[in-house]
Amino acid sequence: MSVELIAQKGGVKKEAAIGTRFQKEFPKGDIETLLQSIQSGVLEYARRNKMKTPGQGAFNNARGDWLELILSAYFWNATIGLNKDILVVRLPNVMRMSFVELFDKESQKLIDLGLMKTLDKHGARLDMSNPDIIGVHIKRSELPPVFHKKLDRLGVKEASMLFDAYKILLGKCSYNGILFGLSIKTSLRGDRRYQIVHEGSIVKAFIAHLQTRYWDTSFETKFYGAVTDNVSEQDHEIFKTAATHSIVNVFSPSVKAVDKVYHIPTTDDVEEMISAILKTASTLPQVSKA
C-alpha cells in the first residue's frame, strides 16, 4: 500500500515524504541534493496521482523539518556510539511545546512562581522559541530499548520516532540538565543570522536565571548554529555578539550568545560538527561529574 505524501488541504506530510525517500537507506551526501530529492518525490507523487502541487511555502516549511530530522538522526547514532549519559532530540515549535515543559516539577514551579509571575506583574512576558535540537544530560540506562538502537535507514517509522522522541524528556529535565541547543538554518539571508543570536541569547539568559534560583553556577549550557548555505566573514562577526544578560552582571564574564556556527553543506560536515559538539558536551561539568 502506497504512503500518502500530500494532505487533503495541500500540505506536505513531512514524515511520510522523507520516510518514503529513505525507506531503504540512511541519508548521505550533499544536503541540498538530499532535500531536493525528497521534494522531487512529493512532486512526482502529486503528478502521478493528479493532485494539486503543494505551494513553495509548504515546501520551505517541510525542508526545514527534513533537515532537522536528518541532523537528529545523525545525533541519534552518534550519542549511542558515545556511551555517555547524553540524549539529543529534535524539538517541535513552541506552538506544540513550551521549552519550560522539559523541566521537572520543582524547576517548573520556580519558573512559574518566580520569573513568569514577576514578568506578568510588570506587563511583560518571555516568548522563547525552542531550539531546533537540544542535548540533555539524562541516564541512558533508564531510556526505553528503542533509544539504544542505531538507525541504518530513515524510513517512515524512524522519521515518526525522531519527531516524537522529545516526549521522553517532558517533565524530566533537571534545572542543570540542558547541555546545548542548536539552531538550524538552510541560509542566512535576511535576518536569519540575528534569529540565531537572539535564540542563543534567550536560552542562555533563561539558564542564568535558573542558576540564580538554585544558587548553582557549577553547570554550563552551550548554544550553536548550523547552516547548510555559505557563512560569510560578516556573518561570523555578528555571531560574536554577547549574550545580553552577561553584559549587565559585573560579577560574571561576558559570554557569546552563540558559541559557534557550523557550515554543514554535506553529511560529512554534519558528522564533524556532531563529533565536536558531543566532545564538548562530554566535558561539561554536569556530565563529567556524573
Protein backbone atom coordinates (compact mmCIF):
# COMPACT_ATOMS: atom_id res chain seq x y z
CA MET A 1 0.00 0.00 0.00
CA SER A 2 1.43 3.36 -1.02
CA VAL A 3 2.04 6.08 1.57
CA GLU A 4 0.20 9.40 1.19
CA LEU A 5 2.65 12.27 0.82
CA ILE A 6 0.20 15.15 0.46
CA ALA A 7 -2.50 16.16 2.95
CA GLN A 8 -6.07 16.93 1.91
CA LYS A 9 -5.52 20.67 2.33
CA GLY A 10 -2.46 20.59 0.10
CA GLY A 11 0.25 20.45 2.74
CA VAL A 12 3.21 18.09 2.71
CA LYS A 13 3.15 15.06 5.01
CA LYS A 14 6.68 15.53 6.26
CA GLU A 15 7.43 12.19 7.91
CA ALA A 16 5.87 10.28 5.04
CA ALA A 17 7.83 12.25 2.43
CA ILE A 18 11.27 11.85 3.99
CA GLY A 19 10.49 8.31 5.11
CA THR A 20 9.47 7.22 1.63
CA ARG A 21 12.66 8.66 0.17
CA PHE A 22 14.94 6.94 2.69
CA GLN A 23 12.91 3.81 3.39
CA LYS A 24 15.86 1.63 2.40
CA GLU A 25 18.85 3.82 3.16
CA PHE A 26 20.40 6.36 5.51
CA PRO A 27 20.73 9.87 4.02
CA LYS A 28 24.29 10.63 2.90
CA GLY A 29 25.89 13.23 0.67
CA ASP A 30 25.18 16.83 -0.28
CA ILE A 31 22.45 18.26 1.95
CA GLU A 32 20.75 20.38 -0.73
CA THR A 33 20.68 17.38 -3.09
CA LEU A 34 19.09 15.24 -0.37
CA LEU A 35 16.41 17.82 0.37
CA GLN A 36 15.70 18.31 -3.33
CA SER A 37 15.34 14.56 -3.83
CA ILE A 38 12.65 14.42 -1.11
CA GLN A 39 10.82 17.34 -2.68
CA SER A 40 11.06 15.74 -6.11
CA GLY A 41 9.45 12.61 -4.69
CA VAL A 42 6.48 14.67 -3.47
CA LEU A 43 6.16 16.41 -6.85
CA GLU A 44 6.22 13.06 -8.64
CA TYR A 45 3.58 11.73 -6.24
CA ALA A 46 1.34 14.73 -6.99
CA ARG A 47 1.77 14.27 -10.75
CA ARG A 48 1.17 10.53 -10.63
CA ASN A 49 -1.99 10.91 -8.55
CA LYS A 50 -3.20 14.01 -10.39
CA MET A 51 -3.14 16.07 -7.18
CA LYS A 52 -2.54 19.78 -6.69
CA THR A 53 1.14 20.52 -6.15
CA PRO A 54 1.92 21.97 -2.68
CA GLY A 55 2.95 25.63 -2.71
CA GLN A 56 6.52 26.78 -2.20
CA GLY A 57 5.69 27.91 1.33
CA ALA A 58 4.67 24.36 2.23
CA PHE A 59 7.89 23.01 0.77
CA ASN A 60 10.02 25.61 2.59
CA ASN A 61 8.43 24.59 5.88
CA ALA A 62 8.86 20.90 5.12
CA ARG A 63 12.51 21.29 4.05
CA GLY A 64 13.34 22.81 7.43
CA ASP A 65 11.84 19.83 9.23
CA TRP A 66 13.55 17.38 6.87
CA LEU A 67 16.92 18.97 7.59
CA GLU A 68 16.27 18.80 11.34
CA LEU A 69 15.33 15.12 11.02
CA ILE A 70 18.49 14.30 9.10
CA LEU A 71 20.64 16.02 11.74
CA SER A 72 18.74 14.43 14.62
CA ALA A 73 19.23 11.01 13.00
CA TYR A 74 22.99 11.58 12.89
CA PHE A 75 22.98 12.82 16.51
CA TRP A 76 20.93 9.76 17.47
CA ASN A 77 23.54 7.34 16.17
CA ALA A 78 26.47 9.36 17.50
CA THR A 79 25.17 9.51 21.07
CA ILE A 80 24.62 5.75 21.11
CA GLY A 81 28.20 5.22 20.00
CA LEU A 82 29.45 7.80 22.52
CA ASN A 83 28.26 5.75 25.52
CA LYS A 84 27.65 8.84 27.69
CA ASP A 85 24.57 9.96 29.59
CA ILE A 86 23.59 12.35 26.81
CA LEU A 87 20.42 12.39 24.74
CA VAL A 88 19.95 14.65 21.71
CA VAL A 89 16.50 15.15 20.21
CA ARG A 90 14.65 17.43 17.85
CA LEU A 91 12.13 19.78 19.48
CA PRO A 92 8.81 20.82 17.93
CA ASN A 93 7.98 24.50 17.57
CA VAL A 94 6.74 26.49 20.55
CA MET A 95 3.10 26.17 19.41
CA ARG A 96 3.26 22.45 20.23
CA MET A 97 5.54 22.50 23.28
CA SER A 98 6.97 25.17 25.56
CA PHE A 99 10.66 24.95 26.43
CA VAL A 100 9.70 25.12 30.12
CA GLU A 101 7.79 21.82 29.81
CA LEU A 102 11.10 19.97 29.59
CA PHE A 103 11.94 20.66 33.22
CA ASP A 104 10.88 18.69 36.29
CA LYS A 105 8.02 19.86 38.52
CA GLU A 106 10.27 21.65 41.01
CA SER A 107 12.01 23.66 38.31
CA GLN A 108 8.74 24.48 36.56
CA LYS A 109 7.26 25.70 39.85
CA LEU A 110 10.22 28.01 40.48
CA ILE A 111 9.98 29.35 36.93
CA ASP A 112 6.21 29.90 37.10
CA LEU A 113 6.11 31.44 40.58
CA GLY A 114 9.33 33.39 40.14
CA LEU A 115 10.26 34.54 36.65
CA MET A 116 6.88 34.27 34.92
CA LYS A 117 4.90 35.80 37.78
CA THR A 118 7.31 38.75 38.05
CA LEU A 119 7.18 39.38 34.31
CA ASP A 120 3.39 39.26 34.33
CA LYS A 121 3.25 41.73 37.21
CA HIS A 122 5.08 44.24 35.02
CA GLY A 123 3.04 43.54 31.91
CA ALA A 124 5.91 41.66 30.28
CA ARG A 125 6.32 38.11 29.03
CA LEU A 126 9.03 35.73 27.90
CA ASP A 127 8.46 34.40 24.39
CA MET A 128 11.04 31.70 23.80
CA SER A 129 11.38 29.85 20.52
CA ASN A 130 12.53 26.28 21.04
CA PRO A 131 16.00 25.29 19.82
CA ASP A 132 15.66 23.04 16.77
CA ILE A 133 17.76 20.38 18.51
CA ILE A 134 18.63 20.04 22.17
CA GLY A 135 21.17 17.98 24.08
CA VAL A 136 20.43 16.98 27.68
CA HIS A 137 22.12 15.11 30.48
CA ILE A 138 19.99 12.05 31.26
CA LYS A 139 20.67 8.50 32.43
CA ARG A 140 20.63 6.49 29.22
CA SER A 141 20.26 3.25 31.17
CA GLU A 142 16.74 4.38 32.08
CA LEU A 143 15.67 5.03 28.48
CA PRO A 144 13.44 2.57 26.56
CA PRO A 145 15.20 -0.05 24.36
CA VAL A 146 14.46 1.85 21.12
CA PHE A 147 16.74 4.67 22.32
CA HIS A 148 19.69 2.27 22.27
CA LYS A 149 19.28 1.10 18.68
CA LYS A 150 21.26 2.77 15.88
CA LEU A 151 19.44 3.73 12.71
CA ASP A 152 20.50 2.22 9.39
CA ARG A 153 17.76 3.99 7.43
CA LEU A 154 15.40 6.94 7.83
CA GLY A 155 12.10 5.39 6.80
CA VAL A 156 8.60 6.45 7.83
CA LYS A 157 8.79 4.55 11.12
CA GLU A 158 12.18 6.06 12.01
CA ALA A 159 11.11 9.58 10.99
CA SER A 160 7.99 9.38 13.17
CA MET A 161 10.07 8.11 16.08
CA LEU A 162 12.51 11.03 15.76
CA PHE A 163 9.63 13.50 15.55
CA ASP A 164 8.22 12.22 18.86
CA ALA A 165 11.44 11.35 20.74
CA TYR A 166 11.35 14.66 22.66
CA LYS A 167 8.28 13.45 24.58
CA ILE A 168 10.51 11.19 26.71
CA LEU A 169 12.02 14.36 28.21
CA LEU A 170 8.83 16.20 29.18
CA GLY A 171 8.86 16.95 32.90
CA LYS A 172 12.13 15.08 33.44
CA CYS A 173 15.00 17.53 32.88
CA SER A 174 16.72 18.85 35.98
CA TYR A 175 17.46 22.56 36.20
CA ASN A 176 21.10 21.88 35.25
CA GLY A 177 20.42 19.21 32.63
CA ILE A 178 20.44 21.27 29.43
CA LEU A 179 23.81 20.76 27.74
CA PHE A 180 23.31 22.62 24.48
CA GLY A 181 20.84 23.97 21.98
CA LEU A 182 21.25 24.04 18.21
CA SER A 183 19.57 26.38 15.72
CA ILE A 184 19.48 25.09 12.13
CA LYS A 185 19.12 27.25 9.03
CA THR A 186 19.34 26.50 5.31
CA SER A 187 20.52 30.06 4.68
CA LEU A 188 21.36 33.30 6.49
CA ARG A 189 19.53 35.65 4.14
CA GLY A 190 17.50 38.46 5.65
CA ASP A 191 17.56 38.48 9.44
CA ARG A 192 18.10 34.76 9.98
CA ARG A 193 21.58 35.22 11.40
CA TYR A 194 20.10 37.55 14.02
CA GLN A 195 17.49 34.90 14.82
CA ILE A 196 20.27 32.51 15.81
CA VAL A 197 21.86 35.19 18.02
CA HIS A 198 18.51 36.02 19.62
CA GLU A 199 17.69 32.35 20.28
CA GLY A 200 21.10 31.76 21.86
CA SER A 201 20.85 34.89 24.00
CA ILE A 202 17.40 34.00 25.32
CA VAL A 203 18.32 30.38 26.09
CA LYS A 204 21.46 31.42 27.96
CA ALA A 205 19.58 34.13 29.89
CA PHE A 206 16.99 31.51 30.88
CA ILE A 207 19.71 29.15 32.10
CA ALA A 208 21.38 32.02 34.00
CA HIS A 209 18.05 32.65 35.73
CA LEU A 210 17.92 29.01 36.85
CA GLN A 211 21.47 29.33 38.20
CA THR A 212 20.39 32.24 40.40
CA ARG A 213 17.23 30.48 41.54
CA TYR A 214 19.21 27.41 42.61
CA TRP A 215 22.33 29.29 43.75
CA ASP A 216 24.33 26.98 41.48
CA THR A 217 26.78 28.14 38.82
CA SER A 218 28.59 24.82 38.56
CA PHE A 219 26.96 23.89 35.25
CA GLU A 220 27.05 25.29 31.73
CA THR A 221 24.89 25.36 28.62
CA LYS A 222 26.23 25.89 25.10
CA PHE A 223 24.40 27.19 22.03
CA TYR A 224 25.32 26.55 18.41
CA GLY A 225 24.17 27.33 14.90
CA ALA A 226 24.28 25.09 11.83
CA VAL A 227 23.88 26.45 8.30
CA THR A 228 23.85 24.50 5.04
CA ASP A 229 24.41 27.58 2.86
CA ASN A 230 27.50 29.79 2.86
CA VAL A 231 28.55 31.53 6.08
CA SER A 232 30.40 34.78 5.34
CA GLU A 233 33.02 36.61 7.39
CA GLN A 234 30.41 39.26 8.18
CA ASP A 235 28.11 36.53 9.47
CA HIS A 236 30.84 35.25 11.76
CA GLU A 237 31.38 38.78 13.10
CA ILE A 238 27.70 39.05 14.01
CA PHE A 239 27.87 35.67 15.73
CA LYS A 240 30.38 37.17 18.16
CA THR A 241 27.53 39.17 19.73
CA ALA A 242 27.44 38.88 23.52
CA ALA A 243 24.53 37.25 25.30
CA THR A 244 22.50 40.19 26.61
CA HIS A 245 22.24 39.02 30.21
CA SER A 246 26.02 38.63 30.50
CA ILE A 247 26.82 42.31 29.87
CA VAL A 248 24.78 43.58 32.84
CA ASN A 249 26.38 41.45 35.55
CA VAL A 250 29.70 42.86 36.71
CA PHE A 251 30.41 39.72 38.75
CA SER A 252 30.47 37.32 35.78
CA PRO A 253 32.36 37.39 32.49
CA SER A 254 30.56 38.25 29.28
CA VAL A 255 29.78 35.27 27.05
CA LYS A 256 28.80 34.98 23.41
CA ALA A 257 25.16 34.23 22.64
CA VAL A 258 26.31 31.64 20.10
CA ASP A 259 29.39 29.56 20.90
CA LYS A 260 29.98 28.54 17.29
CA VAL A 261 28.22 28.37 13.94
CA TYR A 262 28.98 25.40 11.70
CA HIS A 263 28.80 25.29 7.92
CA ILE A 264 27.29 21.90 7.01
CA PRO A 265 26.80 21.55 3.22
CA THR A 266 27.29 17.76 3.37
CA THR A 267 26.60 14.92 5.78
CA ASP A 268 30.36 14.55 6.25
CA ASP A 269 30.33 18.10 7.65
CA VAL A 270 27.37 17.15 9.83
CA GLU A 271 29.35 14.27 11.31
CA GLU A 272 32.34 16.53 12.02
CA MET A 273 30.07 19.10 13.70
CA ILE A 274 28.38 16.47 15.84
CA SER A 275 31.71 14.99 16.89
CA ALA A 276 32.92 18.42 18.05
CA ILE A 277 29.67 19.31 19.85
CA LEU A 278 29.45 15.97 21.67
CA LYS A 279 33.12 16.14 22.64
CA THR A 280 32.47 19.48 24.32
CA ALA A 281 29.21 18.24 25.88
CA SER A 282 31.02 15.24 27.36
CA THR A 283 33.37 17.54 29.27
CA LEU A 284 30.71 19.90 30.67
CA PRO A 285 30.53 19.85 34.49
CA GLN A 286 27.11 18.23 34.71
CA VAL A 287 28.33 15.28 32.60
CA SER A 288 31.94 14.91 33.71
CA LYS A 289 30.98 14.96 37.40
CA ALA A 290 28.21 12.40 36.98
